[in-house]
Amino acid sequence: MNMLKGINAGVINSADGIPVIALKMIDSGDSEQLLLLPPNLLQEVMFALFSCYRSLHRIYQQSPDQIREQVNTHTQMLSTNVPAISLDEVQSISAERCVTNFVLKQRQDRINFLFLLQNGENLLLALDYTQTEYVLSLLANTIKSTGNEQLMALCLTMNDFIPFYVTTFNKGENKGIDYNQFSVPDWKSETFDTFHSILFIQPDGTIACGAIIKAEPAFPAGRIEFIAQILLQNNKMLVPYKNHTMIIDHNRLDIPAGNESMETLLRAHIAHRTTKLG
């Protein structure tokens, strides 16, 4: 298994104004690969890196001195082996090097990043957990350097939750529910283990819509309100309510692992709503 030895990133400003990130990596066998990450796949990679960084933080709590030393060692190695990205190289890179899909597999001893390319090639790269801090910082700084607020919002503020459903309730108690389900790959769903129900309550007590997300068991103060507003302002199903004054009510759902069927989640969401009806 070839481990990451060096990495570099650059910005390609496309004709339509949407930045694409060029990512060049060198592995322990000194093989170099240059990839293109469009915004949606860049967000997937950033989500994966933030997830791995949370895992690193948990490992650090168990052995802080050992992990700190390993992080410093890998930071020195990665900062020493930075593959150059030339202007000619970026200009000549084929669209076939564009990443079309991405899969993360976290193991006990390493992290596997699998990139699926436009040309049908699959590229597997392995990272040590103690390399994630360096790689995450590199990509975050590259994204910030684009100055593109939409790209920064997509890649830097939406990595601690996964939307599963948004819902609208028909008027009147027990009159039914409409929902929109998000497509979530298995690798992404596995990064969290707790479901949360969100309700949007109007000043008169009407509960017309809501959402179900998956995330860590607890949120920092105010974060659930931020997530709720992201969903309210950006989801087509919730458009009729985006300019309404809303109170956010949140409930952690007691759904055992392996019992995450659509019916189970929606029933728990409806039960949450029922408890809030006058």
Protein backbone atom coordinates (compact mmCIF):
# COMPACT_ATOMS: atom_id res chain seq x y z
CA MET A 1 0.00 0.00 0.00
CA ASN A 2 1.57 3.30 -1.12
CA MET A 3 1.28 5.93 1.62
CA LEU A 4 1.16 9.67 1.03
CA LYS A 5 4.63 11.21 0.92
CA GLY A 6 3.96 14.70 -0.45
CA ILE A 7 1.07 16.86 -1.63
CA ASN A 8 0.42 20.19 -3.31
CA ALA A 9 -2.69 22.04 -4.47
CA GLY A 10 -3.45 24.88 -6.87
CA VAL A 11 -6.43 26.75 -8.26
CA ILE A 12 -7.64 26.57 -11.85
CA ASN A 13 -10.04 29.37 -12.77
CA SER A 14 -12.39 27.87 -15.34
CA ALA A 15 -14.09 29.82 -18.12
CA ASP A 16 -17.43 29.73 -16.28
CA GLY A 17 -15.90 31.30 -13.19
CA ILE A 18 -16.16 28.17 -11.04
CA PRO A 19 -12.77 27.34 -9.44
CA VAL A 20 -11.40 23.82 -9.83
CA ILE A 21 -8.68 22.55 -7.50
CA ALA A 22 -5.66 20.78 -8.97
CA LEU A 23 -4.31 18.26 -6.47
CA LYS A 24 -0.88 16.72 -6.99
CA MET A 25 0.29 13.88 -4.80
CA ILE A 26 3.44 11.81 -4.48
CA ASP A 27 3.33 8.44 -2.74
CA SER A 28 5.94 6.40 -0.90
CA GLY A 29 6.90 4.75 -4.20
CA ASP A 30 7.68 8.22 -5.65
CA SER A 31 4.81 7.95 -8.11
CA GLU A 32 3.11 11.30 -8.86
CA GLN A 33 -0.56 11.83 -9.69
CA LEU A 34 -2.34 15.03 -10.68
CA LEU A 35 -6.11 15.24 -10.20
CA LEU A 36 -8.81 17.81 -10.82
CA LEU A 37 -11.42 18.32 -8.10
CA PRO A 38 -14.62 20.16 -9.15
CA PRO A 39 -16.54 21.84 -6.29
CA ASN A 40 -18.92 18.96 -5.50
CA LEU A 41 -16.09 16.39 -5.26
CA LEU A 42 -13.88 18.86 -3.42
CA GLN A 43 -16.61 19.14 -0.81
CA GLU A 44 -16.70 15.34 -0.49
CA VAL A 45 -12.94 15.22 0.06
CA MET A 46 -13.11 18.03 2.61
CA PHE A 47 -15.96 16.25 4.43
CA ALA A 48 -13.78 13.13 4.58
CA LEU A 49 -10.76 15.07 5.87
CA PHE A 50 -12.80 16.79 8.59
CA SER A 51 -14.16 13.38 9.62
CA CYS A 52 -10.65 11.93 9.80
CA TYR A 53 -9.47 14.97 11.74
CA ARG A 54 -12.19 14.33 14.35
CA SER A 55 -10.92 10.75 14.58
CA LEU A 56 -7.38 12.07 15.03
CA HIS A 57 -8.61 14.29 17.87
CA ARG A 58 -10.13 11.27 19.63
CA ILE A 59 -6.89 9.30 19.21
CA TYR A 60 -4.94 12.30 20.54
CA GLN A 61 -6.98 12.25 23.75
CA GLN A 62 -5.71 8.72 24.42
CA SER A 63 -1.99 9.30 23.69
CA PRO A 64 -1.30 13.04 23.34
CA ASP A 65 2.50 12.94 23.46
CA GLN A 66 2.81 10.08 20.97
CA ILE A 67 0.29 11.55 18.52
CA ARG A 68 1.81 15.04 18.73
CA GLU A 69 5.23 13.59 17.86
CA GLN A 70 3.80 11.65 14.90
CA VAL A 71 1.94 14.73 13.63
CA ASN A 72 5.17 16.75 13.77
CA THR A 73 7.09 14.01 11.96
CA HIS A 74 4.53 13.73 9.16
CA THR A 75 4.21 17.50 8.87
CA GLN A 76 7.97 17.75 8.35
CA MET A 77 7.90 14.97 5.73
CA LEU A 78 4.96 16.39 3.79
CA SER A 79 6.32 19.95 3.86
CA THR A 80 9.68 18.69 2.57
CA ASN A 81 8.28 16.60 -0.30
CA VAL A 82 6.04 19.10 -2.07
CA PRO A 83 5.57 18.14 -5.75
CA ALA A 84 5.71 21.12 -8.08
CA ILE A 85 2.66 22.06 -10.15
CA SER A 86 3.74 23.98 -13.26
CA LEU A 87 1.54 26.32 -15.28
CA ASP A 88 2.09 24.23 -18.40
CA GLU A 89 1.09 21.10 -16.51
CA VAL A 90 -2.16 22.61 -15.28
CA GLN A 91 -3.04 24.04 -18.70
CA SER A 92 -2.42 20.74 -20.46
CA ILE A 93 -4.10 18.44 -17.96
CA SER A 94 -6.90 16.48 -19.57
CA ALA A 95 -10.49 16.49 -18.37
CA GLU A 96 -9.98 12.74 -18.05
CA ARG A 97 -8.08 13.47 -14.82
CA CYS A 98 -11.24 15.00 -13.35
CA VAL A 99 -12.55 13.15 -10.28
CA THR A 100 -16.11 11.92 -10.79
CA ASN A 101 -16.60 10.05 -7.52
CA PHE A 102 -14.88 9.60 -4.19
CA VAL A 103 -14.97 6.99 -1.43
CA LEU A 104 -13.41 7.06 2.04
CA LYS A 105 -12.57 3.97 4.07
CA GLN A 106 -11.34 4.52 7.61
CA ARG A 107 -9.33 1.68 9.08
CA GLN A 108 -7.65 1.32 12.43
CA ASP A 109 -4.14 1.86 11.07
CA ARG A 110 -4.74 4.13 8.05
CA ILE A 111 -7.26 5.93 5.86
CA ASN A 112 -7.90 4.90 2.27
CA PHE A 113 -8.89 7.60 -0.20
CA LEU A 114 -10.29 6.18 -3.45
CA PHE A 115 -10.64 8.58 -6.39
CA LEU A 116 -12.66 7.54 -9.45
CA LEU A 117 -11.55 9.44 -12.56
CA GLN A 118 -13.26 10.51 -15.77
CA ASN A 119 -11.11 8.09 -17.77
CA GLY A 120 -12.34 5.12 -15.73
CA GLU A 121 -9.16 4.83 -13.66
CA ASN A 122 -9.36 4.23 -9.90
CA LEU A 123 -6.65 5.81 -7.81
CA LEU A 124 -6.14 4.55 -4.24
CA LEU A 125 -4.10 6.62 -1.81
CA ALA A 126 -3.47 5.79 1.84
CA LEU A 127 -2.93 8.34 4.61
CA ASP A 128 -1.94 8.00 8.22
CA TYR A 129 -4.35 9.70 10.60
CA THR A 130 -1.54 11.96 11.75
CA GLN A 131 -1.22 13.32 8.18
CA THR A 132 -4.77 14.68 8.06
CA GLU A 133 -4.01 17.93 9.89
CA TYR A 134 -1.46 18.97 7.25
CA VAL A 135 -3.60 17.94 4.27
CA LEU A 136 -6.73 19.57 5.69
CA SER A 137 -4.87 22.83 6.32
CA LEU A 138 -3.38 22.80 2.80
CA LEU A 139 -6.73 22.35 1.09
CA ALA A 140 -8.54 24.80 3.38
CA ASN A 141 -5.99 27.52 2.62
CA THR A 142 -6.20 26.74 -1.10
CA ILE A 143 -9.98 27.07 -1.02
CA LYS A 144 -9.73 30.38 0.85
CA SER A 145 -7.25 31.67 -1.72
CA THR A 146 -9.92 31.41 -4.44
CA GLY A 147 -11.88 34.22 -2.81
CA ASN A 148 -15.04 32.42 -3.93
CA GLU A 149 -17.53 32.75 -1.07
CA GLN A 150 -19.85 30.07 -2.42
CA LEU A 151 -17.02 27.54 -2.67
CA MET A 152 -15.77 28.43 0.82
CA ALA A 153 -19.26 28.03 2.28
CA LEU A 154 -19.73 24.68 0.54
CA CYS A 155 -16.39 23.19 1.54
CA LEU A 156 -15.62 24.76 4.92
CA THR A 157 -18.93 25.08 6.78
CA MET A 158 -20.89 21.93 5.90
CA ASN A 159 -18.69 19.14 7.22
CA ASP A 160 -20.16 18.27 10.61
CA PHE A 161 -23.58 17.03 9.51
CA ILE A 162 -25.35 15.05 6.77
CA PRO A 163 -28.88 15.98 5.66
CA PHE A 164 -31.08 12.91 5.25
CA TYR A 165 -34.58 14.36 4.87
CA VAL A 166 -36.39 17.65 4.68
CA THR A 167 -40.12 17.46 5.43
CA THR A 168 -43.32 19.42 5.12
CA PHE A 169 -46.40 18.65 7.18
CA ASN A 170 -49.90 18.88 5.79
CA LYS A 171 -52.13 21.25 7.73
CA GLY A 172 -53.73 19.76 10.80
CA GLU A 173 -52.49 17.13 13.21
CA ASN A 174 -51.91 13.64 11.79
CA LYS A 175 -52.79 14.78 8.26
CA GLY A 176 -49.69 13.38 6.63
CA ILE A 177 -46.16 14.33 5.69
CA ASP A 178 -44.24 15.01 2.49
CA TYR A 179 -40.50 14.46 2.40
CA ASN A 180 -37.46 14.83 0.21
CA GLN A 181 -34.71 12.25 0.76
CA PHE A 182 -31.05 13.05 0.16
CA SER A 183 -28.80 10.50 -1.52
CA VAL A 184 -26.08 9.68 1.00
CA PRO A 185 -23.28 7.21 0.13
CA ASP A 186 -22.58 4.51 2.72
CA TRP A 187 -19.06 5.75 3.51
CA LYS A 188 -20.43 9.18 4.38
CA SER A 189 -23.29 7.88 6.52
CA GLU A 190 -20.84 5.75 8.51
CA THR A 191 -18.88 8.81 9.68
CA PHE A 192 -21.63 9.71 12.17
CA ASP A 193 -23.86 7.61 14.41
CA THR A 194 -26.57 9.96 15.73
CA PHE A 195 -29.74 11.27 14.06
CA HIS A 196 -31.28 14.62 14.95
CA SER A 197 -34.76 15.97 14.28
CA ILE A 198 -35.19 19.68 13.49
CA LEU A 199 -38.52 21.52 13.53
CA PHE A 200 -39.23 24.97 12.15
CA ILE A 201 -41.90 26.56 14.35
CA GLN A 202 -43.71 29.76 13.39
CA PRO A 203 -44.63 32.36 16.05
CA ASP A 204 -48.26 31.15 16.12
CA GLY A 205 -47.10 27.63 16.97
CA THR A 206 -47.60 26.24 13.46
CA ILE A 207 -45.07 23.53 12.54
CA ALA A 208 -45.10 23.36 8.77
CA CYS A 209 -41.70 21.86 8.00
CA GLY A 210 -38.63 20.15 9.42
CA ALA A 211 -35.53 18.11 8.69
CA ILE A 212 -33.62 15.02 9.78
CA ILE A 213 -29.83 15.10 9.85
CA LYS A 214 -27.04 12.81 11.01
CA ALA A 215 -24.14 14.18 13.04
CA GLU A 216 -22.16 13.90 16.27
CA PRO A 217 -24.26 13.31 19.42
CA ALA A 218 -23.80 16.91 20.64
CA PHE A 219 -23.50 20.30 18.93
CA PRO A 220 -21.72 23.47 20.07
CA ALA A 221 -24.12 26.22 21.12
CA GLY A 222 -25.82 27.79 18.14
CA ARG A 223 -24.59 25.27 15.59
CA ILE A 224 -27.95 23.51 15.20
CA GLU A 225 -29.58 26.87 14.40
CA PHE A 226 -26.92 27.53 11.75
CA ILE A 227 -27.49 24.12 10.16
CA ALA A 228 -31.25 24.63 10.24
CA GLN A 229 -30.89 27.96 8.43
CA ILE A 230 -28.64 26.39 5.77
CA LEU A 231 -31.36 23.84 5.03
CA LEU A 232 -34.17 26.40 5.18
CA GLN A 233 -32.45 28.83 2.83
CA ASN A 234 -31.11 26.34 0.29
CA ASN A 235 -33.59 23.49 -0.09
CA LYS A 236 -36.20 23.79 -2.84
CA MET A 237 -38.86 21.99 -0.83
CA LEU A 238 -38.58 24.55 1.99
CA VAL A 239 -38.61 27.63 -0.29
CA PRO A 240 -42.17 28.68 0.77
CA TYR A 241 -40.91 29.09 4.35
CA LYS A 242 -37.44 30.61 3.86
CA ASN A 243 -38.53 34.19 4.56
CA HIS A 244 -40.74 33.32 7.51
CA THR A 245 -39.80 34.01 11.11
CA MET A 246 -38.99 30.60 12.57
CA ILE A 247 -38.08 29.17 15.96
CA ILE A 248 -35.77 26.17 15.73
CA ASP A 249 -36.52 23.17 17.92
CA HIS A 250 -34.06 20.29 18.02
CA ASN A 251 -34.28 16.76 19.37
CA ARG A 252 -31.72 13.97 19.31
CA LEU A 253 -33.39 10.81 18.05
CA ASP A 254 -32.91 7.57 19.96
CA ILE A 255 -32.48 5.38 16.88
CA PRO A 256 -30.24 2.31 17.43
CA ALA A 257 -27.53 1.64 14.86
CA GLY A 258 -28.81 -0.65 12.15
CA ASN A 259 -32.40 0.47 12.61
CA GLU A 260 -32.24 3.49 10.32
CA SER A 261 -35.09 2.71 7.96
CA MET A 262 -36.99 5.57 6.36
CA GLU A 263 -40.15 4.62 8.26
CA THR A 264 -38.35 4.56 11.61
CA LEU A 265 -36.75 7.97 11.08
CA LEU A 266 -39.89 9.67 9.81
CA ARG A 267 -42.02 8.22 12.62
CA ALA A 268 -39.56 9.57 15.19
CA HIS A 269 -39.58 12.95 13.43
CA ILE A 270 -43.40 13.05 13.49
CA ALA A 271 -43.37 12.08 17.18
CA HIS A 272 -41.05 15.02 17.86
CA ARG A 273 -43.53 17.32 16.09
CA THR A 274 -46.45 15.88 18.04
CA THR A 275 -44.80 16.75 21.36
CA LYS A 276 -44.54 20.39 20.23
CA LEU A 277 -48.13 20.83 19.07
CA GLY A 278 -50.32 22.79 21.46
